[in-house]
Amino acid sequence: MAEGTRRRTTPTPAPVHLLDPTRPPRPAPGCDVCAALDRQRAQAERSGNTRRAIITEDEIRKHPRHRNRP
């Protein structure tokens, strides 16, 4: 091995892709529950109720149809 050359003995870590927490989740296509929650979230944001908007975003993320999206 040439001087100054190192051999990697562990696999290269895979890149981590995180969702942007500042962006609201998109409702699952064709899901009436997700669409209704998204409307509630938008209304809460318009009225300045940040807490309600964040709670509604969490509900969208936890909704079964939303979680199982490809």
C-alpha atoms as a PDB file:
ATOM      1  CA  MET A   1       0.000   0.000   0.000  1.00  0.00           C
ATOM      2  CA  ALA A   2       1.422   3.385  -0.939  1.00  0.00           C
ATOM      3  CA  GLU A   3       2.315   5.779   1.794  1.00  0.00           C
ATOM      4  CA  GLY A   4      -0.603   8.049   2.721  1.00  0.00           C
ATOM      5  CA  THR A   5      -3.184   5.686   1.195  1.00  0.00           C
ATOM      6  CA  ARG A   6      -5.740   4.212   3.515  1.00  0.00           C
ATOM      7  CA  ARG A   7      -8.000   1.311   2.849  1.00  0.00           C
ATOM      8  CA  ARG A   8     -11.580   1.579   4.065  1.00  0.00           C
ATOM      9  CA  THR A   9     -12.479  -1.303   6.361  1.00  0.00           C
ATOM     10  CA  THR A  10     -16.124  -0.347   6.898  1.00  0.00           C
ATOM     11  CA  PRO A  11     -18.852   0.195   4.325  1.00  0.00           C
ATOM     12  CA  THR A  12     -19.522   3.722   3.147  1.00  0.00           C
ATOM     13  CA  PRO A  13     -22.563   5.015   5.052  1.00  0.00           C
ATOM     14  CA  ALA A  14     -25.699   5.401   2.968  1.00  0.00           C
ATOM     15  CA  PRO A  15     -26.973   8.956   2.565  1.00  0.00           C
ATOM     16  CA  VAL A  16     -29.806   9.941   4.880  1.00  0.00           C
ATOM     17  CA  HIS A  17     -32.829  11.628   3.312  1.00  0.00           C
ATOM     18  CA  LEU A  18     -34.944  13.555   5.779  1.00  0.00           C
ATOM     19  CA  LEU A  19     -38.242  15.246   5.092  1.00  0.00           C
ATOM     20  CA  ASP A  20     -38.283  19.020   5.416  1.00  0.00           C
ATOM     21  CA  PRO A  21     -40.031  19.569   8.761  1.00  0.00           C
ATOM     22  CA  THR A  22     -40.939  23.116   7.747  1.00  0.00           C
ATOM     23  CA  ARG A  23     -43.148  21.895   4.899  1.00  0.00           C
ATOM     24  CA  PRO A  24     -46.586  20.439   5.564  1.00  0.00           C
ATOM     25  CA  PRO A  25     -47.184  16.858   4.437  1.00  0.00           C
ATOM     26  CA  ARG A  26     -49.053  16.328   1.196  1.00  0.00           C
ATOM     27  CA  PRO A  27     -52.370  14.492   1.544  1.00  0.00           C
ATOM     28  CA  ALA A  28     -52.513  10.999   0.050  1.00  0.00           C
ATOM     29  CA  PRO A  29     -54.069  11.160  -3.442  1.00  0.00           C
ATOM     30  CA  GLY A  30     -57.743  10.237  -3.406  1.00  0.00           C
ATOM     31  CA  CYS A  31     -57.993  10.132   0.394  1.00  0.00           C
ATOM     32  CA  ASP A  32     -60.911  12.209   1.664  1.00  0.00           C
ATOM     33  CA  VAL A  33     -59.625  12.098   5.263  1.00  0.00           C
ATOM     34  CA  CYS A  34     -56.210  13.455   4.281  1.00  0.00           C
ATOM     35  CA  ALA A  35     -57.857  16.134   2.114  1.00  0.00           C
ATOM     36  CA  ALA A  36     -60.122  17.235   4.983  1.00  0.00           C
ATOM     37  CA  LEU A  37     -57.173  17.349   7.377  1.00  0.00           C
ATOM     38  CA  ASP A  38     -55.198  19.393   4.850  1.00  0.00           C
ATOM     39  CA  ARG A  39     -58.051  21.913   4.598  1.00  0.00           C
ATOM     40  CA  GLN A  40     -58.148  22.144   8.409  1.00  0.00           C
ATOM     41  CA  ARG A  41     -54.384  22.663   8.478  1.00  0.00           C
ATOM     42  CA  ALA A  42     -54.560  25.434   5.880  1.00  0.00           C
ATOM     43  CA  GLN A  43     -57.398  27.168   7.759  1.00  0.00           C
ATOM     44  CA  ALA A  44     -55.441  26.980  11.025  1.00  0.00           C
ATOM     45  CA  GLU A  45     -52.417  28.556   9.321  1.00  0.00           C
ATOM     46  CA  ARG A  46     -54.541  31.338   7.797  1.00  0.00           C
ATOM     47  CA  SER A  47     -56.044  32.136  11.200  1.00  0.00           C
ATOM     48  CA  GLY A  48     -52.595  32.137  12.853  1.00  0.00           C
ATOM     49  CA  ASN A  49     -53.242  29.022  14.958  1.00  0.00           C
ATOM     50  CA  THR A  50     -49.810  27.438  14.543  1.00  0.00           C
ATOM     51  CA  ARG A  51     -50.390  24.873  17.273  1.00  0.00           C
ATOM     52  CA  ARG A  52     -53.539  23.534  15.577  1.00  0.00           C
ATOM     53  CA  ALA A  53     -51.776  23.493  12.193  1.00  0.00           C
ATOM     54  CA  ILE A  54     -48.910  21.405  13.611  1.00  0.00           C
ATOM     55  CA  ILE A  55     -51.306  18.987  15.305  1.00  0.00           C
ATOM     56  CA  THR A  56     -53.212  18.554  12.037  1.00  0.00           C
ATOM     57  CA  GLU A  57     -49.957  17.964  10.114  1.00  0.00           C
ATOM     58  CA  ASP A  58     -49.108  15.217  12.597  1.00  0.00           C
ATOM     59  CA  GLU A  59     -52.547  13.652  12.064  1.00  0.00           C
ATOM     60  CA  ILE A  60     -51.949  13.616   8.296  1.00  0.00           C
ATOM     61  CA  ARG A  61     -48.538  11.975   8.748  1.00  0.00           C
ATOM     62  CA  LYS A  62     -50.023   9.300  11.026  1.00  0.00           C
ATOM     63  CA  HIS A  63     -53.055   8.566   8.833  1.00  0.00           C
ATOM     64  CA  PRO A  64     -52.783   4.980   7.527  1.00  0.00           C
ATOM     65  CA  ARG A  65     -53.353   5.884   3.880  1.00  0.00           C
ATOM     66  CA  HIS A  66     -50.722   8.594   4.085  1.00  0.00           C
ATOM     67  CA  ARG A  67     -48.114   6.381   5.762  1.00  0.00           C
ATOM     68  CA  ASN A  68     -48.499   3.596   3.206  1.00  0.00           C
ATOM     69  CA  ARG A  69     -47.907   5.836   0.195  1.00  0.00           C
ATOM     70  CA  PRO A  70     -45.097   4.689  -2.086  1.00  0.00           C
END
